[in-house]
Amino acid sequence: AAAEALGRIGDPQALPDLLEALRDAEPRVRRAAAEALGEIGDPQALPGLLEALQDADARRAAAEALGEIGDPQALPGLLEALRDADPRVRRAAAKALGEIGDPRAVPGLL
């Protein structure tokens, strides 16, 4: 609930704590942290969110957050997520790539 509140408030000073929460033992905390980082939308969260794309419990939320941030630096990680076994992760990655709008994503989306 705290991560959700921090995301709604949108203050970038919460970034360090939310990035730390991406490594929490509890999967729900990791997902909520990724979602909050997306809501805040600060590109400084990119490295932590790209790392979270490797977390089975937080991949979908991380992909969605990367789309909300909209930074083309996320393309390689999102293109890799298009091949994820979980269709929800693939969908989130495709949507994020569309939100970023970089033409370099077209071959992967095709």
PDB file of N, CA and C in Angstrom:
ATOM      1  N   ALA A   1       0.824  -1.191   0.000  1.00  0.00           N
ATOM      2  CA  ALA A   1       0.000   0.000   0.000  1.00  0.00           C
ATOM      3  C   ALA A   1       0.868   1.255   0.000  1.00  0.00           C
ATOM      4  N   ALA A   2       2.002   1.184   0.680  1.00  0.00           N
ATOM      5  CA  ALA A   2       2.890   2.351   0.723  1.00  0.00           C
ATOM      6  C   ALA A   2       3.443   2.647  -0.670  1.00  0.00           C
ATOM      7  N   ALA A   3       3.827   1.604  -1.415  1.00  0.00           N
ATOM      8  CA  ALA A   3       4.350   1.816  -2.763  1.00  0.00           C
ATOM      9  C   ALA A   3       3.276   2.424  -3.662  1.00  0.00           C
ATOM     10  N   GLU A   4       2.046   1.940  -3.539  1.00  0.00           N
ATOM     11  CA  GLU A   4       0.948   2.501  -4.327  1.00  0.00           C
ATOM     12  C   GLU A   4       0.759   3.978  -4.010  1.00  0.00           C
ATOM     13  N   ALA A   5       0.809   4.327  -2.727  1.00  0.00           N
ATOM     14  CA  ALA A   5       0.647   5.730  -2.321  1.00  0.00           C
ATOM     15  C   ALA A   5       1.782   6.583  -2.881  1.00  0.00           C
ATOM     16  N   LEU A   6       3.001   6.070  -2.819  1.00  0.00           N
ATOM     17  CA  LEU A   6       4.137   6.824  -3.351  1.00  0.00           C
ATOM     18  C   LEU A   6       3.991   7.033  -4.852  1.00  0.00           C
ATOM     19  N   GLY A   7       3.489   6.045  -5.557  1.00  0.00           N
ATOM     20  CA  GLY A   7       3.262   6.201  -6.991  1.00  0.00           C
ATOM     21  C   GLY A   7       2.231   7.266  -7.283  1.00  0.00           C
ATOM     22  N   ARG A   8       1.146   7.276  -6.508  1.00  0.00           N
ATOM     23  CA  ARG A   8       0.104   8.294  -6.711  1.00  0.00           C
ATOM     24  C   ARG A   8       0.628   9.688  -6.400  1.00  0.00           C
ATOM     25  N   ILE A   9       1.449   9.801  -5.363  1.00  0.00           N
ATOM     26  CA  ILE A   9       2.004  11.116  -5.008  1.00  0.00           C
ATOM     27  C   ILE A   9       2.958  11.585  -6.106  1.00  0.00           C
ATOM     28  N   GLY A  10       3.753  10.655  -6.650  1.00  0.00           N
ATOM     29  CA  GLY A  10       4.595  10.979  -7.797  1.00  0.00           C
ATOM     30  C   GLY A  10       5.859  11.751  -7.496  1.00  0.00           C
ATOM     31  N   ASP A  11       6.309  11.774  -6.270  1.00  0.00           N
ATOM     32  CA  ASP A  11       7.502  12.532  -5.907  1.00  0.00           C
ATOM     33  C   ASP A  11       8.758  11.700  -6.183  1.00  0.00           C
ATOM     34  N   PRO A  12       9.663  12.198  -7.026  1.00  0.00           N
ATOM     35  CA  PRO A  12      10.879  11.453  -7.357  1.00  0.00           C
ATOM     36  C   PRO A  12      11.780  11.158  -6.160  1.00  0.00           C
ATOM     37  N   GLN A  13      11.587  11.822  -5.043  1.00  0.00           N
ATOM     38  CA  GLN A  13      12.440  11.520  -3.899  1.00  0.00           C
ATOM     39  C   GLN A  13      12.174  10.113  -3.354  1.00  0.00           C
ATOM     40  N   ALA A  14      11.092   9.476  -3.795  1.00  0.00           N
ATOM     41  CA  ALA A  14      10.786   8.108  -3.375  1.00  0.00           C
ATOM     42  C   ALA A  14      11.561   7.068  -4.194  1.00  0.00           C
ATOM     43  N   LEU A  15      12.238   7.501  -5.264  1.00  0.00           N
ATOM     44  CA  LEU A  15      12.934   6.565  -6.150  1.00  0.00           C
ATOM     45  C   LEU A  15      13.887   5.615  -5.420  1.00  0.00           C
ATOM     46  N   PRO A  16      14.788   6.092  -4.573  1.00  0.00           N
ATOM     47  CA  PRO A  16      15.725   5.155  -3.944  1.00  0.00           C
ATOM     48  C   PRO A  16      15.026   4.040  -3.160  1.00  0.00           C
ATOM     49  N   ASP A  17      14.005   4.384  -2.414  1.00  0.00           N
ATOM     50  CA  ASP A  17      13.311   3.372  -1.626  1.00  0.00           C
ATOM     51  C   ASP A  17      12.513   2.422  -2.510  1.00  0.00           C
ATOM     52  N   LEU A  18      11.898   2.935  -3.565  1.00  0.00           N
ATOM     53  CA  LEU A  18      11.153   2.065  -4.473  1.00  0.00           C
ATOM     54  C   LEU A  18      12.088   1.143  -5.249  1.00  0.00           C
ATOM     55  N   LEU A  19      13.245   1.659  -5.635  1.00  0.00           N
ATOM     56  CA  LEU A  19      14.224   0.818  -6.329  1.00  0.00           C
ATOM     57  C   LEU A  19      14.715  -0.295  -5.400  1.00  0.00           C
ATOM     58  N   GLU A  20      14.885   0.031  -4.138  1.00  0.00           N
ATOM     59  CA  GLU A  20      15.261  -0.997  -3.167  1.00  0.00           C
ATOM     60  C   GLU A  20      14.137  -2.028  -3.011  1.00  0.00           C
ATOM     61  N   ALA A  21      12.897  -1.559  -3.052  1.00  0.00           N
ATOM     62  CA  ALA A  21      11.751  -2.461  -2.911  1.00  0.00           C
ATOM     63  C   ALA A  21      11.635  -3.435  -4.081  1.00  0.00           C
ATOM     64  N   LEU A  22      12.259  -3.113  -5.223  1.00  0.00           N
ATOM     65  CA  LEU A  22      12.263  -4.042  -6.355  1.00  0.00           C
ATOM     66  C   LEU A  22      13.017  -5.327  -6.020  1.00  0.00           C
ATOM     67  N   ARG A  23      13.798  -5.300  -4.930  1.00  0.00           N
ATOM     68  CA  ARG A  23      14.568  -6.477  -4.516  1.00  0.00           C
ATOM     69  C   ARG A  23      13.990  -7.123  -3.257  1.00  0.00           C
ATOM     70  N   ASP A  24      12.806  -6.703  -2.851  1.00  0.00           N
ATOM     71  CA  ASP A  24      12.175  -7.241  -1.647  1.00  0.00           C
ATOM     72  C   ASP A  24      11.885  -8.733  -1.826  1.00  0.00           C
ATOM     73  N   ALA A  25      11.856  -9.452  -0.716  1.00  0.00           N
ATOM     74  CA  ALA A  25      11.577 -10.896  -0.766  1.00  0.00           C
ATOM     75  C   ALA A  25      10.133 -11.188  -1.166  1.00  0.00           C
ATOM     76  N   GLU A  26       9.235 -10.269  -0.927  1.00  0.00           N
ATOM     77  CA  GLU A  26       7.810 -10.465  -1.206  1.00  0.00           C
ATOM     78  C   GLU A  26       7.476 -10.038  -2.642  1.00  0.00           C
ATOM     79  N   PRO A  27       6.975 -10.960  -3.474  1.00  0.00           N
ATOM     80  CA  PRO A  27       6.658 -10.625  -4.867  1.00  0.00           C
ATOM     81  C   PRO A  27       5.668  -9.467  -5.017  1.00  0.00           C
ATOM     82  N   ARG A  28       4.684  -9.386  -4.149  1.00  0.00           N
ATOM     83  CA  ARG A  28       3.700  -8.294  -4.267  1.00  0.00           C
ATOM     84  C   ARG A  28       4.350  -6.944  -4.048  1.00  0.00           C
ATOM     85  N   VAL A  29       5.348  -6.897  -3.168  1.00  0.00           N
ATOM     86  CA  VAL A  29       6.065  -5.640  -2.927  1.00  0.00           C
ATOM     87  C   VAL A  29       6.846  -5.253  -4.176  1.00  0.00           C
ATOM     88  N   ARG A  30       7.510  -6.232  -4.807  1.00  0.00           N
ATOM     89  CA  ARG A  30       8.278  -5.942  -6.026  1.00  0.00           C
ATOM     90  C   ARG A  30       7.368  -5.431  -7.140  1.00  0.00           C
ATOM     91  N   ARG A  31       6.211  -6.058  -7.307  1.00  0.00           N
ATOM     92  CA  ARG A  31       5.265  -5.607  -8.346  1.00  0.00           C
ATOM     93  C   ARG A  31       4.759  -4.196  -8.043  1.00  0.00           C
ATOM     94  N   ALA A  32       4.402  -3.943  -6.793  1.00  0.00           N
ATOM     95  CA  ALA A  32       3.887  -2.613  -6.426  1.00  0.00           C
ATOM     96  C   ALA A  32       4.960  -1.547  -6.609  1.00  0.00           C
ATOM     97  N   ALA A  33       6.199  -1.882  -6.299  1.00  0.00           N
ATOM     98  CA  ALA A  33       7.288  -0.928  -6.486  1.00  0.00           C
ATOM     99  C   ALA A  33       7.473  -0.601  -7.965  1.00  0.00           C
ATOM    100  N   ALA A  34       7.421  -1.625  -8.819  1.00  0.00           N
ATOM    101  CA  ALA A  34       7.558  -1.390 -10.262  1.00  0.00           C
ATOM    102  C   ALA A  34       6.426  -0.508 -10.773  1.00  0.00           C
ATOM    103  N   GLU A  35       5.216  -0.786 -10.333  1.00  0.00           N
ATOM    104  CA  GLU A  35       4.074   0.022 -10.761  1.00  0.00           C
ATOM    105  C   GLU A  35       4.232   1.468 -10.298  1.00  0.00           C
ATOM    106  N   ALA A  36       4.682   1.668  -9.067  1.00  0.00           N
ATOM    107  CA  ALA A  36       4.863   3.025  -8.540  1.00  0.00           C
ATOM    108  C   ALA A  36       5.945   3.764  -9.317  1.00  0.00           C
ATOM    109  N   LEU A  37       7.021   3.072  -9.651  1.00  0.00           N
ATOM    110  CA  LEU A  37       8.082   3.716 -10.430  1.00  0.00           C
ATOM    111  C   LEU A  37       7.562   4.144 -11.795  1.00  0.00           C
ATOM    112  N   GLY A  38       6.696   3.363 -12.383  1.00  0.00           N
ATOM    113  CA  GLY A  38       6.089   3.756 -13.652  1.00  0.00           C
ATOM    114  C   GLY A  38       5.226   4.989 -13.513  1.00  0.00           C
ATOM    115  N   GLU A  39       4.467   5.043 -12.431  1.00  0.00           N
ATOM    116  CA  GLU A  39       3.610   6.210 -12.208  1.00  0.00           C
ATOM    117  C   GLU A  39       4.441   7.468 -11.996  1.00  0.00           C
ATOM    118  N   ILE A  40       5.562   7.332 -11.304  1.00  0.00           N
ATOM    119  CA  ILE A  40       6.428   8.498 -11.090  1.00  0.00           C
ATOM    120  C   ILE A  40       7.043   8.938 -12.414  1.00  0.00           C
ATOM    121  N   GLY A  41       7.443   7.961 -13.236  1.00  0.00           N
ATOM    122  CA  GLY A  41       7.892   8.269 -14.591  1.00  0.00           C
ATOM    123  C   GLY A  41       9.282   8.852 -14.725  1.00  0.00           C
ATOM    124  N   ASP A  42      10.121   8.661 -13.745  1.00  0.00           N
ATOM    125  CA  ASP A  42      11.470   9.224 -13.794  1.00  0.00           C
ATOM    126  C   ASP A  42      12.420   8.242 -14.486  1.00  0.00           C
ATOM    127  N   PRO A  43      13.134   8.690 -15.535  1.00  0.00           N
ATOM    128  CA  PRO A  43      14.060   7.809 -16.245  1.00  0.00           C
ATOM    129  C   PRO A  43      15.174   7.233 -15.375  1.00  0.00           C
ATOM    130  N   GLN A  44      15.414   7.805 -14.214  1.00  0.00           N
ATOM    131  CA  GLN A  44      16.440   7.264 -13.324  1.00  0.00           C
ATOM    132  C   GLN A  44      16.072   5.860 -12.847  1.00  0.00           C
ATOM    133  N   ALA A  45      14.815   5.474 -12.990  1.00  0.00           N
ATOM    134  CA  ALA A  45      14.367   4.149 -12.567  1.00  0.00           C
ATOM    135  C   ALA A  45      14.656   3.080 -13.613  1.00  0.00           C
ATOM    136  N   LEU A  46      15.091   3.478 -14.812  1.00  0.00           N
ATOM    137  CA  LEU A  46      15.306   2.512 -15.905  1.00  0.00           C
ATOM    138  C   LEU A  46      16.191   1.327 -15.518  1.00  0.00           C
ATOM    139  N   PRO A  47      17.375   1.546 -14.957  1.00  0.00           N
ATOM    140  CA  PRO A  47      18.219   0.380 -14.653  1.00  0.00           C
ATOM    141  C   PRO A  47      17.536  -0.627 -13.719  1.00  0.00           C
ATOM    142  N   GLY A  48      16.891  -0.147 -12.691  1.00  0.00           N
ATOM    143  CA  GLY A  48      16.209  -1.047 -11.763  1.00  0.00           C
ATOM    144  C   GLY A  48      15.054  -1.773 -12.416  1.00  0.00           C
ATOM    145  N   LEU A  49      14.306  -1.084 -13.255  1.00  0.00           N
ATOM    146  CA  LEU A  49      13.175  -1.715 -13.936  1.00  0.00           C
ATOM    147  C   LEU A  49      13.639  -2.709 -14.999  1.00  0.00           C
ATOM    148  N   LEU A  50      14.719  -2.384 -15.689  1.00  0.00           N
ATOM    149  CA  LEU A  50      15.255  -3.335 -16.676  1.00  0.00           C
ATOM    150  C   LEU A  50      15.728  -4.602 -15.971  1.00  0.00           C
ATOM    151  N   GLU A  51      16.318  -4.441 -14.807  1.00  0.00           N
ATOM    152  CA  GLU A  51      16.719  -5.611 -14.012  1.00  0.00           C
ATOM    153  C   GLU A  51      15.482  -6.396 -13.569  1.00  0.00           C
ATOM    154  N   ALA A  52      14.410  -5.684 -13.236  1.00  0.00           N
ATOM    155  CA  ALA A  52      13.180  -6.344 -12.788  1.00  0.00           C
ATOM    156  C   ALA A  52      12.516  -7.149 -13.910  1.00  0.00           C
ATOM    157  N   LEU A  53      12.872  -6.865 -15.164  1.00  0.00           N
ATOM    158  CA  LEU A  53      12.342  -7.668 -16.274  1.00  0.00           C
ATOM    159  C   LEU A  53      12.799  -9.124 -16.170  1.00  0.00           C
ATOM    160  N   GLN A  54      13.832  -9.373 -15.379  1.00  0.00           N
ATOM    161  CA  GLN A  54      14.336 -10.740 -15.190  1.00  0.00           C
ATOM    162  C   GLN A  54      13.642 -11.444 -14.025  1.00  0.00           C
ATOM    163  N   ASP A  55      12.819 -10.715 -13.278  1.00  0.00           N
ATOM    164  CA  ASP A  55      12.146 -11.249 -12.095  1.00  0.00           C
ATOM    165  C   ASP A  55      10.798 -11.828 -12.504  1.00  0.00           C
ATOM    166  N   ALA A  56      10.636 -13.128 -12.338  1.00  0.00           N
ATOM    167  CA  ALA A  56       9.406 -13.803 -12.768  1.00  0.00           C
ATOM    168  C   ALA A  56       8.155 -13.179 -12.164  1.00  0.00           C
ATOM    169  N   ASP A  57       8.263 -12.639 -10.971  1.00  0.00           N
ATOM    170  CA  ASP A  57       7.090 -12.086 -10.297  1.00  0.00           C
ATOM    171  C   ASP A  57       6.822 -10.625 -10.644  1.00  0.00           C
ATOM    172  N   ALA A  58       7.795  -9.939 -11.220  1.00  0.00           N
ATOM    173  CA  ALA A  58       7.625  -8.506 -11.467  1.00  0.00           C
ATOM    174  C   ALA A  58       7.756  -8.119 -12.933  1.00  0.00           C
ATOM    175  N   ARG A  59       7.962  -9.095 -13.826  1.00  0.00           N
ATOM    176  CA  ARG A  59       8.205  -8.773 -15.241  1.00  0.00           C
ATOM    177  C   ARG A  59       7.098  -7.935 -15.862  1.00  0.00           C
ATOM    178  N   ARG A  60       5.852  -8.353 -15.677  1.00  0.00           N
ATOM    179  CA  ARG A  60       4.751  -7.629 -16.310  1.00  0.00           C
ATOM    180  C   ARG A  60       4.700  -6.185 -15.807  1.00  0.00           C
ATOM    181  N   ALA A  61       4.782  -6.003 -14.503  1.00  0.00           N
ATOM    182  CA  ALA A  61       4.720  -4.649 -13.933  1.00  0.00           C
ATOM    183  C   ALA A  61       5.910  -3.817 -14.385  1.00  0.00           C
ATOM    184  N   ALA A  62       7.081  -4.441 -14.485  1.00  0.00           N
ATOM    185  CA  ALA A  62       8.260  -3.704 -14.945  1.00  0.00           C
ATOM    186  C   ALA A  62       8.092  -3.262 -16.393  1.00  0.00           C
ATOM    187  N   ALA A  63       7.572  -4.139 -17.250  1.00  0.00           N
ATOM    188  CA  ALA A  63       7.349  -3.777 -18.656  1.00  0.00           C
ATOM    189  C   ALA A  63       6.364  -2.624 -18.763  1.00  0.00           C
ATOM    190  N   GLU A  64       5.287  -2.686 -17.999  1.00  0.00           N
ATOM    191  CA  GLU A  64       4.303  -1.600 -18.015  1.00  0.00           C
ATOM    192  C   GLU A  64       4.929  -0.291 -17.545  1.00  0.00           C
ATOM    193  N   ALA A  65       5.736  -0.360 -16.496  1.00  0.00           N
ATOM    194  CA  ALA A  65       6.375   0.845 -15.968  1.00  0.00           C
ATOM    195  C   ALA A  65       7.333   1.446 -16.990  1.00  0.00           C
ATOM    196  N   LEU A  66       8.083   0.599 -17.690  1.00  0.00           N
ATOM    197  CA  LEU A  66       8.994   1.106 -18.716  1.00  0.00           C
ATOM    198  C   LEU A  66       8.227   1.814 -19.825  1.00  0.00           C
ATOM    199  N   GLY A  67       7.061   1.311 -20.171  1.00  0.00           N
ATOM    200  CA  GLY A  67       6.230   1.989 -21.163  1.00  0.00           C
ATOM    201  C   GLY A  67       5.745   3.342 -20.667  1.00  0.00           C
ATOM    202  N   GLU A  68       5.390   3.410 -19.397  1.00  0.00           N
ATOM    203  CA  GLU A  68       4.934   4.686 -18.831  1.00  0.00           C
ATOM    204  C   GLU A  68       6.055   5.713 -18.827  1.00  0.00           C
ATOM    205  N   ILE A  69       7.272   5.263 -18.557  1.00  0.00           N
ATOM    206  CA  ILE A  69       8.402   6.191 -18.559  1.00  0.00           C
ATOM    207  C   ILE A  69       8.704   6.641 -19.981  1.00  0.00           C
ATOM    208  N   GLY A  70       8.610   5.710 -20.942  1.00  0.00           N
ATOM    209  CA  GLY A  70       8.717   6.084 -22.353  1.00  0.00           C
ATOM    210  C   GLY A  70      10.114   6.360 -22.874  1.00  0.00           C
ATOM    211  N   ASP A  71      11.122   5.856 -22.219  1.00  0.00           N
ATOM    212  CA  ASP A  71      12.499   6.113 -22.639  1.00  0.00           C
ATOM    213  C   ASP A  71      12.963   5.018 -23.608  1.00  0.00           C
ATOM    214  N   PRO A  72      13.463   5.398 -24.789  1.00  0.00           N
ATOM    215  CA  PRO A  72      13.918   4.414 -25.772  1.00  0.00           C
ATOM    216  C   PRO A  72      15.049   3.513 -25.278  1.00  0.00           C
ATOM    217  N   GLN A  73      15.728   3.882 -24.213  1.00  0.00           N
ATOM    218  CA  GLN A  73      16.790   3.037 -23.681  1.00  0.00           C
ATOM    219  C   GLN A  73      16.243   1.685 -23.208  1.00  0.00           C
ATOM    220  N   ALA A  74      14.928   1.605 -23.004  1.00  0.00           N
ATOM    221  CA  ALA A  74      14.308   0.366 -22.541  1.00  0.00           C
ATOM    222  C   ALA A  74      14.060  -0.616 -23.681  1.00  0.00           C
ATOM    223  N   LEU A  75      14.270  -0.196 -24.935  1.00  0.00           N
ATOM    224  CA  LEU A  75      13.958  -1.058 -26.075  1.00  0.00           C
ATOM    225  C   LEU A  75      14.581  -2.451 -26.009  1.00  0.00           C
ATOM    226  N   PRO A  76      15.885  -2.591 -25.771  1.00  0.00           N
ATOM    227  CA  PRO A  76      16.447  -3.945 -25.777  1.00  0.00           C
ATOM    228  C   PRO A  76      15.774  -4.878 -24.763  1.00  0.00           C
ATOM    229  N   GLY A  77      15.557  -4.406 -23.575  1.00  0.00           N
ATOM    230  CA  GLY A  77      14.914  -5.236 -22.563  1.00  0.00           C
ATOM    231  C   GLY A  77      13.480  -5.578 -22.905  1.00  0.00           C
ATOM    232  N   LEU A  78      12.764  -4.612 -23.458  1.00  0.00           N
ATOM    233  CA  LEU A  78      11.369  -4.857 -23.833  1.00  0.00           C
ATOM    234  C   LEU A  78      11.272  -5.788 -25.043  1.00  0.00           C
ATOM    235  N   LEU A  79      12.193  -5.639 -25.978  1.00  0.00           N
ATOM    236  CA  LEU A  79      12.198  -6.545 -27.134  1.00  0.00           C
ATOM    237  C   LEU A  79      12.464  -7.978 -26.682  1.00  0.00           C
ATOM    238  N   GLU A  80      13.332  -8.132 -25.707  1.00  0.00           N
ATOM    239  CA  GLU A  80      13.578  -9.474 -25.155  1.00  0.00           C
ATOM    240  C   GLU A  80      12.330 -10.005 -24.454  1.00  0.00           C
ATOM    241  N   ALA A  81      11.610  -9.116 -23.767  1.00  0.00           N
ATOM    242  CA  ALA A  81      10.395  -9.529 -23.052  1.00  0.00           C
ATOM    243  C   ALA A  81       9.290  -9.976 -24.006  1.00  0.00           C
ATOM    244  N   LEU A  82       9.373  -9.601 -25.280  1.00  0.00           N
ATOM    245  CA  LEU A  82       8.396 -10.069 -26.267  1.00  0.00           C
ATOM    246  C   LEU A  82       8.455 -11.579 -26.456  1.00  0.00           C
ATOM    247  N   ARG A  83       9.556 -12.186 -26.041  1.00  0.00           N
ATOM    248  CA  ARG A  83       9.721 -13.636 -26.180  1.00  0.00           C
ATOM    249  C   ARG A  83       9.458 -14.375 -24.871  1.00  0.00           C
ATOM    250  N   ASP A  84       8.913 -13.686 -23.881  1.00  0.00           N
ATOM    251  CA  ASP A  84       8.650 -14.294 -22.580  1.00  0.00           C
ATOM    252  C   ASP A  84       7.607 -15.403 -22.699  1.00  0.00           C
ATOM    253  N   ALA A  85       7.706 -16.388 -21.846  1.00  0.00           N
ATOM    254  CA  ALA A  85       6.746 -17.503 -21.856  1.00  0.00           C
ATOM    255  C   ALA A  85       5.355 -17.060 -21.406  1.00  0.00           C
ATOM    256  N   ASP A  86       5.288 -16.031 -20.598  1.00  0.00           N
ATOM    257  CA  ASP A  86       4.010 -15.549 -20.063  1.00  0.00           C
ATOM    258  C   ASP A  86       3.375 -14.568 -21.056  1.00  0.00           C
ATOM    259  N   PRO A  87       2.191 -14.877 -21.578  1.00  0.00           N
ATOM    260  CA  PRO A  87       1.557 -13.977 -22.547  1.00  0.00           C
ATOM    261  C   PRO A  87       1.242 -12.595 -21.971  1.00  0.00           C
ATOM    262  N   ARG A  88       1.050 -12.504 -20.669  1.00  0.00           N
ATOM    263  CA  ARG A  88       0.783 -11.188 -20.057  1.00  0.00           C
ATOM    264  C   ARG A  88       2.020 -10.305 -20.120  1.00  0.00           C
ATOM    265  N   VAL A  89       3.198 -10.903 -19.966  1.00  0.00           N
ATOM    266  CA  VAL A  89       4.448 -10.147 -20.072  1.00  0.00           C
ATOM    267  C   VAL A  89       4.652  -9.705 -21.513  1.00  0.00           C
ATOM    268  N   ARG A  90       4.408 -10.615 -22.464  1.00  0.00           N
ATOM    269  CA  ARG A  90       4.549 -10.258 -23.883  1.00  0.00           C
ATOM    270  C   ARG A  90       3.613  -9.106 -24.243  1.00  0.00           C
ATOM    271  N   ARG A  91       2.380  -9.172 -23.757  1.00  0.00           N
ATOM    272  CA  ARG A  91       1.410  -8.109 -24.046  1.00  0.00           C
ATOM    273  C   ARG A  91       1.867  -6.782 -23.454  1.00  0.00           C
ATOM    274  N   ALA A  92       2.339  -6.815 -22.202  1.00  0.00           N
ATOM    275  CA  ALA A  92       2.806  -5.589 -21.548  1.00  0.00           C
ATOM    276  C   ALA A  92       4.011  -5.005 -22.282  1.00  0.00           C
ATOM    277  N   ALA A  93       4.913  -5.884 -22.741  1.00  0.00           N
ATOM    278  CA  ALA A  93       6.088  -5.414 -23.480  1.00  0.00           C
ATOM    279  C   ALA A  93       5.679  -4.782 -24.800  1.00  0.00           C
ATOM    280  N   ALA A  94       4.752  -5.414 -25.516  1.00  0.00           N
ATOM    281  CA  ALA A  94       4.293  -4.870 -26.794  1.00  0.00           C
ATOM    282  C   ALA A  94       3.623  -3.511 -26.587  1.00  0.00           C
ATOM    283  N   LYS A  95       2.793  -3.426 -25.567  1.00  0.00           N
ATOM    284  CA  LYS A  95       2.128  -2.159 -25.280  1.00  0.00           C
ATOM    285  C   LYS A  95       3.154  -1.082 -24.921  1.00  0.00           C
ATOM    286  N   ALA A  96       4.155  -1.450 -24.116  1.00  0.00           N
ATOM    287  CA  ALA A  96       5.188  -0.491 -23.718  1.00  0.00           C
ATOM    288  C   ALA A  96       5.964   0.001 -24.936  1.00  0.00           C
ATOM    289  N   LEU A  97       6.296  -0.920 -25.840  1.00  0.00           N
ATOM    290  CA  LEU A  97       7.009  -0.512 -27.054  1.00  0.00           C
ATOM    291  C   LEU A  97       6.167   0.450 -27.884  1.00  0.00           C
ATOM    292  N   GLY A  98       4.868   0.220 -27.943  1.00  0.00           N
ATOM    293  CA  GLY A  98       3.983   1.149 -28.646  1.00  0.00           C
ATOM    294  C   GLY A  98       3.942   2.508 -27.980  1.00  0.00           C
ATOM    295  N   GLU A  99       3.962   2.520 -26.655  1.00  0.00           N
ATOM    296  CA  GLU A  99       3.952   3.797 -25.931  1.00  0.00           C
ATOM    297  C   GLU A  99       5.244   4.567 -26.160  1.00  0.00           C
ATOM    298  N   ILE A 100       6.356   3.839 -26.244  1.00  0.00           N
ATOM    299  CA  ILE A 100       7.638   4.503 -26.485  1.00  0.00           C
ATOM    300  C   ILE A 100       7.665   5.062 -27.906  1.00  0.00           C
ATOM    301  N   GLY A 101       7.124   4.306 -28.858  1.00  0.00           N
ATOM    302  CA  GLY A 101       6.964   4.816 -30.219  1.00  0.00           C
ATOM    303  C   GLY A 101       8.226   4.874 -31.053  1.00  0.00           C
ATOM    304  N   ASP A 102       9.224   4.096 -30.713  1.00  0.00           N
ATOM    305  CA  ASP A 102      10.471   4.101 -31.473  1.00  0.00           C
ATOM    306  C   ASP A 102      10.356   3.108 -32.630  1.00  0.00           C
ATOM    307  N   PRO A 103      10.597   3.549 -33.874  1.00  0.00           N
ATOM    308  CA  PRO A 103      10.478   2.667 -35.024  1.00  0.00           C
ATOM    309  C   PRO A 103      11.405   1.455 -34.993  1.00  0.00           C
ATOM    310  N   ARG A 104      12.456   1.490 -34.184  1.00  0.00           N
ATOM    311  CA  ARG A 104      13.359   0.342 -34.097  1.00  0.00           C
ATOM    312  C   ARG A 104      12.660  -0.873 -33.475  1.00  0.00           C
ATOM    313  N   ALA A 105      11.501  -0.676 -32.859  1.00  0.00           N
ATOM    314  CA  ALA A 105      10.762  -1.785 -32.257  1.00  0.00           C
ATOM    315  C   ALA A 105       9.910  -2.547 -33.275  1.00  0.00           C
ATOM    316  N   VAL A 106       9.710  -1.980 -34.467  1.00  0.00           N
ATOM    317  CA  VAL A 106       8.792  -2.580 -35.451  1.00  0.00           C
ATOM    318  C   VAL A 106       9.163  -4.026 -35.796  1.00  0.00           C
ATOM    319  N   PRO A 107      10.422  -4.352 -36.122  1.00  0.00           N
ATOM    320  CA  PRO A 107      10.722  -5.750 -36.466  1.00  0.00           C
ATOM    321  C   PRO A 107      10.378  -6.719 -35.329  1.00  0.00           C
ATOM    322  N   GLY A 108      10.667  -6.361 -34.113  1.00  0.00           N
ATOM    323  CA  GLY A 108      10.345  -7.226 -32.987  1.00  0.00           C
ATOM    324  C   GLY A 108       8.855  -7.390 -32.797  1.00  0.00           C
ATOM    325  N   LEU A 109       8.109  -6.323 -33.029  1.00  0.00           N
ATOM    326  CA  LEU A 109       6.662  -6.398 -32.875  1.00  0.00           C
ATOM    327  C   LEU A 109       6.023  -7.209 -34.002  1.00  0.00           C
ATOM    328  N   LEU A 110       6.632  -7.142 -35.179  1.00  0.00           N
ATOM    329  CA  LEU A 110       6.096  -7.937 -36.287  1.00  0.00           C
ATOM    330  C   LEU A 110       6.293  -9.411 -36.021  1.00  0.00           C
TER     331      LEU A 110
END
